[in-house]
Amino acid sequence: AIRAAAGIWRDHPAFPTDEAVVEWVSRLRSEKTD
């Protein structure tokens, strides 16, 4: 399943570059949760 899903978001407009993905993940990880 992981292999089948690999690259599925590659052409998503929200993530035009690898840096955009890294920034998004960093933002999620820095969120405070209850």
PDB file of all heavy atoms in Angstrom:
ATOM      1  N   ALA A   1       0.833  -1.207   0.000  1.00  0.00           N
ATOM      2  CA  ALA A   1       0.000   0.000   0.000  1.00  0.00           C
ATOM      3  C   ALA A   1       0.868   1.259   0.000  1.00  0.00           C
ATOM      4  O   ALA A   1       0.563   2.235  -0.704  1.00  0.00           O
ATOM      5  CB  ALA A   1      -0.929  -0.002   1.212  1.00  0.00           C
ATOM      6  N   ILE A   2       1.950   1.233   0.767  1.00  0.00           N
ATOM      7  CA  ILE A   2       2.865   2.378   0.799  1.00  0.00           C
ATOM      8  C   ILE A   2       3.491   2.590  -0.575  1.00  0.00           C
ATOM      9  O   ILE A   2       3.565   3.717  -1.076  1.00  0.00           O
ATOM     10  CB  ILE A   2       3.949   2.179   1.888  1.00  0.00           C
ATOM     11  CG1 ILE A   2       3.319   2.307   3.268  1.00  0.00           C
ATOM     12  CG2 ILE A   2       5.102   3.157   1.703  1.00  0.00           C
ATOM     13  CD1 ILE A   2       4.209   1.824   4.401  1.00  0.00           C
ATOM     14  N   ARG A   3       3.924   1.500  -1.193  1.00  0.00           N
ATOM     15  CA  ARG A   3       4.518   1.612  -2.532  1.00  0.00           C
ATOM     16  C   ARG A   3       3.496   2.111  -3.554  1.00  0.00           C
ATOM     17  O   ARG A   3       3.818   2.898  -4.438  1.00  0.00           O
ATOM     18  CB  ARG A   3       5.098   0.274  -2.956  1.00  0.00           C
ATOM     19  CG  ARG A   3       6.370  -0.045  -2.220  1.00  0.00           C
ATOM     20  CD  ARG A   3       7.024  -1.310  -2.726  1.00  0.00           C
ATOM     21  NE  ARG A   3       8.301  -1.491  -2.055  1.00  0.00           N
ATOM     22  CZ  ARG A   3       8.758  -2.643  -1.627  1.00  0.00           C
ATOM     23  NH1 ARG A   3       8.064  -3.752  -1.838  1.00  0.00           N
ATOM     24  NH2 ARG A   3       9.917  -2.715  -1.013  1.00  0.00           N
ATOM     25  N   ALA A   4       2.258   1.646  -3.443  1.00  0.00           N
ATOM     26  CA  ALA A   4       1.212   2.069  -4.385  1.00  0.00           C
ATOM     27  C   ALA A   4       0.896   3.557  -4.223  1.00  0.00           C
ATOM     28  O   ALA A   4       0.546   4.225  -5.191  1.00  0.00           O
ATOM     29  CB  ALA A   4      -0.054   1.235  -4.180  1.00  0.00           C
ATOM     30  N   ALA A   5       1.036   4.072  -3.002  1.00  0.00           N
ATOM     31  CA  ALA A   5       0.719   5.474  -2.743  1.00  0.00           C
ATOM     32  C   ALA A   5       1.908   6.406  -2.954  1.00  0.00           C
ATOM     33  O   ALA A   5       1.742   7.626  -2.956  1.00  0.00           O
ATOM     34  CB  ALA A   5       0.205   5.629  -1.310  1.00  0.00           C
ATOM     35  N   ALA A   6       3.088   5.853  -3.155  1.00  0.00           N
ATOM     36  CA  ALA A   6       4.291   6.676  -3.309  1.00  0.00           C
ATOM     37  C   ALA A   6       4.121   7.639  -4.478  1.00  0.00           C
ATOM     38  O   ALA A   6       3.741   7.251  -5.578  1.00  0.00           O
ATOM     39  CB  ALA A   6       5.512   5.791  -3.525  1.00  0.00           C
ATOM     40  N   GLY A   7       4.371   8.910  -4.197  1.00  0.00           N
ATOM     41  CA  GLY A   7       4.320   9.933  -5.228  1.00  0.00           C
ATOM     42  C   GLY A   7       2.932  10.416  -5.585  1.00  0.00           C
ATOM     43  O   GLY A   7       2.776  11.233  -6.492  1.00  0.00           O
ATOM     44  N   ILE A   8       1.928   9.956  -4.865  1.00  0.00           N
ATOM     45  CA  ILE A   8       0.549  10.299  -5.217  1.00  0.00           C
ATOM     46  C   ILE A   8       0.275  11.808  -5.108  1.00  0.00           C
ATOM     47  O   ILE A   8      -0.546  12.346  -5.817  1.00  0.00           O
ATOM     48  CB  ILE A   8      -0.442   9.468  -4.381  1.00  0.00           C
ATOM     49  CG1 ILE A   8      -1.803   9.437  -5.021  1.00  0.00           C
ATOM     50  CG2 ILE A   8      -0.526   9.979  -2.957  1.00  0.00           C
ATOM     51  CD1 ILE A   8      -2.724   8.375  -4.460  1.00  0.00           C
ATOM     52  N   TRP A   9       1.019  12.479  -4.225  1.00  0.00           N
ATOM     53  CA  TRP A   9       0.821  13.922  -4.049  1.00  0.00           C
ATOM     54  C   TRP A   9       1.828  14.728  -4.878  1.00  0.00           C
ATOM     55  O   TRP A   9       1.901  15.941  -4.770  1.00  0.00           O
ATOM     56  CB  TRP A   9       0.974  14.297  -2.584  1.00  0.00           C
ATOM     57  CG  TRP A   9      -0.188  13.895  -1.752  1.00  0.00           C
ATOM     58  CD1 TRP A   9      -0.604  12.635  -1.463  1.00  0.00           C
ATOM     59  CD2 TRP A   9      -1.110  14.763  -1.110  1.00  0.00           C
ATOM     60  NE1 TRP A   9      -1.712  12.662  -0.675  1.00  0.00           N
ATOM     61  CE2 TRP A   9      -2.049  13.957  -0.432  1.00  0.00           C
ATOM     62  CE3 TRP A   9      -1.235  16.138  -1.027  1.00  0.00           C
ATOM     63  CZ2 TRP A   9      -3.094  14.489   0.304  1.00  0.00           C
ATOM     64  CZ3 TRP A   9      -2.273  16.667  -0.274  1.00  0.00           C
ATOM     65  CH2 TRP A   9      -3.193  15.858   0.374  1.00  0.00           C
ATOM     66  N   ARG A  10       2.597  14.070  -5.694  1.00  0.00           N
ATOM     67  CA  ARG A  10       3.693  14.725  -6.416  1.00  0.00           C
ATOM     68  C   ARG A  10       3.247  15.974  -7.177  1.00  0.00           C
ATOM     69  O   ARG A  10       3.941  16.974  -7.180  1.00  0.00           O
ATOM     70  CB  ARG A  10       4.321  13.739  -7.380  1.00  0.00           C
ATOM     71  CG  ARG A  10       5.561  14.263  -8.039  1.00  0.00           C
ATOM     72  CD  ARG A  10       6.292  13.144  -8.647  1.00  0.00           C
ATOM     73  NE  ARG A  10       6.342  12.103  -7.626  1.00  0.00           N
ATOM     74  CZ  ARG A  10       7.345  11.314  -7.363  1.00  0.00           C
ATOM     75  NH1 ARG A  10       8.399  11.387  -8.079  1.00  0.00           N
ATOM     76  NH2 ARG A  10       7.303  10.422  -6.417  1.00  0.00           N
ATOM     77  N   ASP A  11       2.127  15.932  -7.829  1.00  0.00           N
ATOM     78  CA  ASP A  11       1.674  17.063  -8.645  1.00  0.00           C
ATOM     79  C   ASP A  11       0.593  17.899  -7.960  1.00  0.00           C
ATOM     80  O   ASP A  11      -0.126  18.635  -8.619  1.00  0.00           O
ATOM     81  CB  ASP A  11       1.154  16.541  -9.989  1.00  0.00           C
ATOM     82  CG  ASP A  11       2.243  15.867 -10.802  1.00  0.00           C
ATOM     83  OD1 ASP A  11       3.394  16.342 -10.738  1.00  0.00           O
ATOM     84  OD2 ASP A  11       1.951  14.861 -11.475  1.00  0.00           O
ATOM     85  N   HIS A  12       0.485  17.799  -6.645  1.00  0.00           N
ATOM     86  CA  HIS A  12      -0.529  18.572  -5.914  1.00  0.00           C
ATOM     87  C   HIS A  12      -0.126  20.043  -5.883  1.00  0.00           C
ATOM     88  O   HIS A  12       1.014  20.373  -5.569  1.00  0.00           O
ATOM     89  CB  HIS A  12      -0.670  18.023  -4.490  1.00  0.00           C
ATOM     90  CG  HIS A  12      -1.900  18.497  -3.806  1.00  0.00           C
ATOM     91  ND1 HIS A  12      -2.004  19.749  -3.268  1.00  0.00           N
ATOM     92  CD2 HIS A  12      -3.093  17.898  -3.587  1.00  0.00           C
ATOM     93  CE1 HIS A  12      -3.198  19.907  -2.734  1.00  0.00           C
ATOM     94  NE2 HIS A  12      -3.877  18.786  -2.916  1.00  0.00           N
ATOM     95  N   PRO A  13      -1.061  20.942  -6.184  1.00  0.00           N
ATOM     96  CA  PRO A  13      -0.714  22.370  -6.245  1.00  0.00           C
ATOM     97  C   PRO A  13      -0.264  22.958  -4.896  1.00  0.00           C
ATOM     98  O   PRO A  13       0.452  23.956  -4.871  1.00  0.00           O
ATOM     99  CB  PRO A  13      -2.001  23.045  -6.739  1.00  0.00           C
ATOM    100  CG  PRO A  13      -3.084  22.040  -6.561  1.00  0.00           C
ATOM    101  CD  PRO A  13      -2.446  20.683  -6.563  1.00  0.00           C
ATOM    102  N   ALA A  14      -0.657  22.351  -3.791  1.00  0.00           N
ATOM    103  CA  ALA A  14      -0.252  22.881  -2.488  1.00  0.00           C
ATOM    104  C   ALA A  14       1.221  22.593  -2.194  1.00  0.00           C
ATOM    105  O   ALA A  14       1.798  23.207  -1.309  1.00  0.00           O
ATOM    106  CB  ALA A  14      -1.125  22.283  -1.384  1.00  0.00           C
ATOM    107  N   PHE A  15       1.813  21.669  -2.939  1.00  0.00           N
ATOM    108  CA  PHE A  15       3.201  21.278  -2.682  1.00  0.00           C
ATOM    109  C   PHE A  15       4.013  21.314  -3.980  1.00  0.00           C
ATOM    110  O   PHE A  15       4.436  20.273  -4.489  1.00  0.00           O
ATOM    111  CB  PHE A  15       3.247  19.874  -2.069  1.00  0.00           C
ATOM    112  CG  PHE A  15       2.381  19.734  -0.851  1.00  0.00           C
ATOM    113  CD1 PHE A  15       1.264  18.908  -0.863  1.00  0.00           C
ATOM    114  CD2 PHE A  15       2.670  20.428   0.311  1.00  0.00           C
ATOM    115  CE1 PHE A  15       0.463  18.781   0.258  1.00  0.00           C
ATOM    116  CE2 PHE A  15       1.873  20.308   1.435  1.00  0.00           C
ATOM    117  CZ  PHE A  15       0.769  19.487   1.408  1.00  0.00           C
ATOM    118  N   PRO A  16       4.249  22.517  -4.507  1.00  0.00           N
ATOM    119  CA  PRO A  16       4.953  22.606  -5.783  1.00  0.00           C
ATOM    120  C   PRO A  16       6.435  22.213  -5.707  1.00  0.00           C
ATOM    121  O   PRO A  16       7.027  21.854  -6.718  1.00  0.00           O
ATOM    122  CB  PRO A  16       4.798  24.078  -6.170  1.00  0.00           C
ATOM    123  CG  PRO A  16       4.600  24.790  -4.868  1.00  0.00           C
ATOM    124  CD  PRO A  16       3.869  23.816  -3.984  1.00  0.00           C
ATOM    125  N   THR A  17       7.008  22.263  -4.495  1.00  0.00           N
ATOM    126  CA  THR A  17       8.429  21.927  -4.347  1.00  0.00           C
ATOM    127  C   THR A  17       8.629  21.054  -3.107  1.00  0.00           C
ATOM    128  O   THR A  17       7.766  20.997  -2.224  1.00  0.00           O
ATOM    129  CB  THR A  17       9.288  23.191  -4.169  1.00  0.00           C
ATOM    130  OG1 THR A  17       8.912  23.825  -2.936  1.00  0.00           O
ATOM    131  CG2 THR A  17       9.120  24.169  -5.331  1.00  0.00           C
ATOM    132  N   ASP A  18       9.783  20.416  -3.040  1.00  0.00           N
ATOM    133  CA  ASP A  18      10.121  19.638  -1.845  1.00  0.00           C
ATOM    134  C   ASP A  18      10.171  20.539  -0.621  1.00  0.00           C
ATOM    135  O   ASP A  18       9.775  20.149   0.474  1.00  0.00           O
ATOM    136  CB  ASP A  18      11.474  18.938  -2.016  1.00  0.00           C
ATOM    137  CG  ASP A  18      11.428  17.819  -3.050  1.00  0.00           C
ATOM    138  OD1 ASP A  18      10.315  17.409  -3.429  1.00  0.00           O
ATOM    139  OD2 ASP A  18      12.513  17.371  -3.465  1.00  0.00           O
ATOM    140  N   GLU A  19      10.657  21.749  -0.804  1.00  0.00           N
ATOM    141  CA  GLU A  19      10.747  22.698   0.306  1.00  0.00           C
ATOM    142  C   GLU A  19       9.366  23.030   0.862  1.00  0.00           C
ATOM    143  O   GLU A  19       9.197  23.219   2.062  1.00  0.00           O
ATOM    144  CB  GLU A  19      11.470  23.982  -0.124  1.00  0.00           C
ATOM    145  CG  GLU A  19      12.936  23.792  -0.429  1.00  0.00           C
ATOM    146  CD  GLU A  19      13.195  23.159  -1.806  1.00  0.00           C
ATOM    147  OE1 GLU A  19      12.306  23.190  -2.689  1.00  0.00           O
ATOM    148  OE2 GLU A  19      14.285  22.592  -1.966  1.00  0.00           O
ATOM    149  N   ALA A  20       8.357  23.111  -0.017  1.00  0.00           N
ATOM    150  CA  ALA A  20       6.990  23.387   0.424  1.00  0.00           C
ATOM    151  C   ALA A  20       6.471  22.258   1.306  1.00  0.00           C
ATOM    152  O   ALA A  20       5.778  22.500   2.298  1.00  0.00           O
ATOM    153  CB  ALA A  20       6.067  23.602  -0.774  1.00  0.00           C
ATOM    154  N   VAL A  21       6.824  21.030   0.964  1.00  0.00           N
ATOM    155  CA  VAL A  21       6.416  19.881   1.775  1.00  0.00           C
ATOM    156  C   VAL A  21       7.093  19.943   3.135  1.00  0.00           C
ATOM    157  O   VAL A  21       6.458  19.768   4.179  1.00  0.00           O
ATOM    158  CB  VAL A  21       6.754  18.548   1.067  1.00  0.00           C
ATOM    159  CG1 VAL A  21       6.465  17.364   1.980  1.00  0.00           C
ATOM    160  CG2 VAL A  21       5.988  18.427  -0.232  1.00  0.00           C
ATOM    161  N   VAL A  22       8.398  20.215   3.154  1.00  0.00           N
ATOM    162  CA  VAL A  22       9.145  20.307   4.408  1.00  0.00           C
ATOM    163  C   VAL A  22       8.566  21.407   5.288  1.00  0.00           C
ATOM    164  O   VAL A  22       8.381  21.231   6.495  1.00  0.00           O
ATOM    165  CB  VAL A  22      10.650  20.541   4.138  1.00  0.00           C
ATOM    166  CG1 VAL A  22      11.390  20.871   5.413  1.00  0.00           C
ATOM    167  CG2 VAL A  22      11.257  19.329   3.444  1.00  0.00           C
ATOM    168  N   GLU A  23       8.243  22.537   4.699  1.00  0.00           N
ATOM    169  CA  GLU A  23       7.654  23.647   5.456  1.00  0.00           C
ATOM    170  C   GLU A  23       6.303  23.248   6.050  1.00  0.00           C
ATOM    171  O   GLU A  23       6.004  23.531   7.213  1.00  0.00           O
ATOM    172  CB  GLU A  23       7.488  24.857   4.531  1.00  0.00           C
ATOM    173  CG  GLU A  23       6.910  26.080   5.230  1.00  0.00           C
ATOM    174  CD  GLU A  23       6.721  27.229   4.252  1.00  0.00           C
ATOM    175  OE1 GLU A  23       7.610  27.444   3.399  1.00  0.00           O
ATOM    176  OE2 GLU A  23       5.679  27.900   4.356  1.00  0.00           O
ATOM    177  N   TRP A  24       5.474  22.561   5.274  1.00  0.00           N
ATOM    178  CA  TRP A  24       4.158  22.128   5.743  1.00  0.00           C
ATOM    179  C   TRP A  24       4.299  21.159   6.910  1.00  0.00           C
ATOM    180  O   TRP A  24       3.619  21.294   7.925  1.00  0.00           O
ATOM    181  CB  TRP A  24       3.402  21.486   4.580  1.00  0.00           C
ATOM    182  CG  TRP A  24       2.056  20.940   4.945  1.00  0.00           C
ATOM    183  CD1 TRP A  24       0.941  21.650   5.278  1.00  0.00           C
ATOM    184  CD2 TRP A  24       1.693  19.562   5.007  1.00  0.00           C
ATOM    185  NE1 TRP A  24      -0.098  20.783   5.550  1.00  0.00           N
ATOM    186  CE2 TRP A  24       0.333  19.497   5.392  1.00  0.00           C
ATOM    187  CE3 TRP A  24       2.370  18.376   4.773  1.00  0.00           C
ATOM    188  CZ2 TRP A  24      -0.344  18.301   5.545  1.00  0.00           C
ATOM    189  CZ3 TRP A  24       1.697  17.181   4.920  1.00  0.00           C
ATOM    190  CH2 TRP A  24       0.359  17.154   5.299  1.00  0.00           C
ATOM    191  N   VAL A  25       5.191  20.181   6.783  1.00  0.00           N
ATOM    192  CA  VAL A  25       5.406  19.212   7.861  1.00  0.00           C
ATOM    193  C   VAL A  25       5.935  19.913   9.100  1.00  0.00           C
ATOM    194  O   VAL A  25       5.472  19.665  10.220  1.00  0.00           O
ATOM    195  CB  VAL A  25       6.368  18.080   7.402  1.00  0.00           C
ATOM    196  CG1 VAL A  25       6.782  17.217   8.578  1.00  0.00           C
ATOM    197  CG2 VAL A  25       5.717  17.239   6.313  1.00  0.00           C
ATOM    198  N   SER A  26       6.873  20.828   8.941  1.00  0.00           N
ATOM    199  CA  SER A  26       7.420  21.570  10.085  1.00  0.00           C
ATOM    200  C   SER A  26       6.330  22.364  10.785  1.00  0.00           C
ATOM    201  O   SER A  26       6.273  22.409  12.019  1.00  0.00           O
ATOM    202  CB  SER A  26       8.530  22.511   9.619  1.00  0.00           C
ATOM    203  OG  SER A  26       9.605  21.779   9.104  1.00  0.00           O
ATOM    204  N   ARG A  27       5.461  22.997  10.004  1.00  0.00           N
ATOM    205  CA  ARG A  27       4.357  23.765  10.578  1.00  0.00           C
ATOM    206  C   ARG A  27       3.422  22.857  11.379  1.00  0.00           C
ATOM    207  O   ARG A  27       3.004  23.190  12.486  1.00  0.00           O
ATOM    208  CB  ARG A  27       3.604  24.473   9.447  1.00  0.00           C
ATOM    209  CG  ARG A  27       2.955  25.757   9.856  1.00  0.00           C
ATOM    210  CD  ARG A  27       2.392  26.597   8.715  1.00  0.00           C
ATOM    211  NE  ARG A  27       1.708  25.848   7.667  1.00  0.00           N
ATOM    212  CZ  ARG A  27       2.175  25.704   6.420  1.00  0.00           C
ATOM    213  NH1 ARG A  27       3.308  26.242   6.052  1.00  0.00           N
ATOM    214  NH2 ARG A  27       1.484  25.016   5.527  1.00  0.00           N
ATOM    215  N   LEU A  28       3.102  21.683  10.838  1.00  0.00           N
ATOM    216  CA  LEU A  28       2.233  20.744  11.553  1.00  0.00           C
ATOM    217  C   LEU A  28       2.877  20.285  12.860  1.00  0.00           C
ATOM    218  O   LEU A  28       2.215  20.183  13.897  1.00  0.00           O
ATOM    219  CB  LEU A  28       1.930  19.523  10.686  1.00  0.00           C
ATOM    220  CG  LEU A  28       0.931  19.709   9.572  1.00  0.00           C
ATOM    221  CD1 LEU A  28       0.820  18.426   8.758  1.00  0.00           C
ATOM    222  CD2 LEU A  28      -0.420  20.112  10.101  1.00  0.00           C
ATOM    223  N   ARG A  29       4.167  19.993  12.808  1.00  0.00           N
ATOM    224  CA  ARG A  29       4.861  19.497  13.997  1.00  0.00           C
ATOM    225  C   ARG A  29       4.998  20.558  15.074  1.00  0.00           C
ATOM    226  O   ARG A  29       5.129  20.226  16.251  1.00  0.00           O
ATOM    227  CB  ARG A  29       6.240  18.964  13.614  1.00  0.00           C
ATOM    228  CG  ARG A  29       6.160  17.676  12.831  1.00  0.00           C
ATOM    229  CD  ARG A  29       7.519  17.176  12.454  1.00  0.00           C
ATOM    230  NE  ARG A  29       7.425  15.889  11.771  1.00  0.00           N
ATOM    231  CZ  ARG A  29       8.414  15.325  11.131  1.00  0.00           C
ATOM    232  NH1 ARG A  29       9.598  15.901  11.085  1.00  0.00           N
ATOM    233  NH2 ARG A  29       8.243  14.167  10.531  1.00  0.00           N
ATOM    234  N   SER A  30       4.970  21.822  14.696  1.00  0.00           N
ATOM    235  CA  SER A  30       5.136  22.884  15.682  1.00  0.00           C
ATOM    236  C   SER A  30       3.814  23.322  16.311  1.00  0.00           C
ATOM    237  O   SER A  30       3.808  24.086  17.265  1.00  0.00           O
ATOM    238  CB  SER A  30       5.827  24.090  15.047  1.00  0.00           C
ATOM    239  OG  SER A  30       4.974  24.705  14.096  1.00  0.00           O
ATOM    240  N   GLU A  31       2.696  22.837  15.776  1.00  0.00           N
ATOM    241  CA  GLU A  31       1.393  23.202  16.334  1.00  0.00           C
ATOM    242  C   GLU A  31       1.251  22.671  17.755  1.00  0.00           C
ATOM    243  O   GLU A  31       1.664  21.558  18.062  1.00  0.00           O
ATOM    244  CB  GLU A  31       0.256  22.619  15.485  1.00  0.00           C
ATOM    245  CG  GLU A  31       0.055  23.303  14.167  1.00  0.00           C
ATOM    246  CD  GLU A  31      -1.095  22.698  13.382  1.00  0.00           C
ATOM    247  OE1 GLU A  31      -1.709  21.708  13.851  1.00  0.00           O
ATOM    248  OE2 GLU A  31      -1.375  23.206  12.292  1.00  0.00           O
ATOM    249  N   LYS A  32       0.670  23.493  18.604  1.00  0.00           N
ATOM    250  CA  LYS A  32       0.368  23.034  19.956  1.00  0.00           C
ATOM    251  C   LYS A  32      -0.943  22.269  19.898  1.00  0.00           C
ATOM    252  O   LYS A  32      -1.880  22.667  19.243  1.00  0.00           O
ATOM    253  CB  LYS A  32       0.257  24.219  20.900  1.00  0.00           C
ATOM    254  CG  LYS A  32       1.557  24.962  21.085  1.00  0.00           C
ATOM    255  CD  LYS A  32       1.478  25.853  22.289  1.00  0.00           C
ATOM    256  CE  LYS A  32       2.719  26.686  22.414  1.00  0.00           C
ATOM    257  NZ  LYS A  32       3.820  26.052  23.026  1.00  0.00           N
ATOM    258  N   THR A  33      -0.963  21.148  20.586  1.00  0.00           N
ATOM    259  CA  THR A  33      -2.179  20.338  20.621  1.00  0.00           C
ATOM    260  C   THR A  33      -2.680  20.251  22.050  1.00  0.00           C
ATOM    261  O   THR A  33      -1.914  20.361  23.000  1.00  0.00           O
ATOM    262  CB  THR A  33      -1.942  18.919  20.074  1.00  0.00           C
ATOM    263  OG1 THR A  33      -0.892  18.326  20.808  1.00  0.00           O
ATOM    264  CG2 THR A  33      -1.549  18.975  18.604  1.00  0.00           C
ATOM    265  N   ASP A  34      -3.956  20.046  22.193  1.00  0.00           N
ATOM    266  CA  ASP A  34      -4.574  19.903  23.514  1.00  0.00           C
ATOM    267  C   ASP A  34      -4.529  18.438  23.908  1.00  0.00           C
ATOM    268  O   ASP A  34      -5.198  17.612  23.266  1.00  0.00           O
ATOM    269  CB  ASP A  34      -6.004  20.397  23.452  1.00  0.00           C
ATOM    270  CG  ASP A  34      -6.731  20.290  24.779  1.00  0.00           C
ATOM    271  OD1 ASP A  34      -6.097  19.901  25.786  1.00  0.00           O
ATOM    272  OD2 ASP A  34      -7.931  20.603  24.817  1.00  0.00           O
TER     273      ASP A  34
END
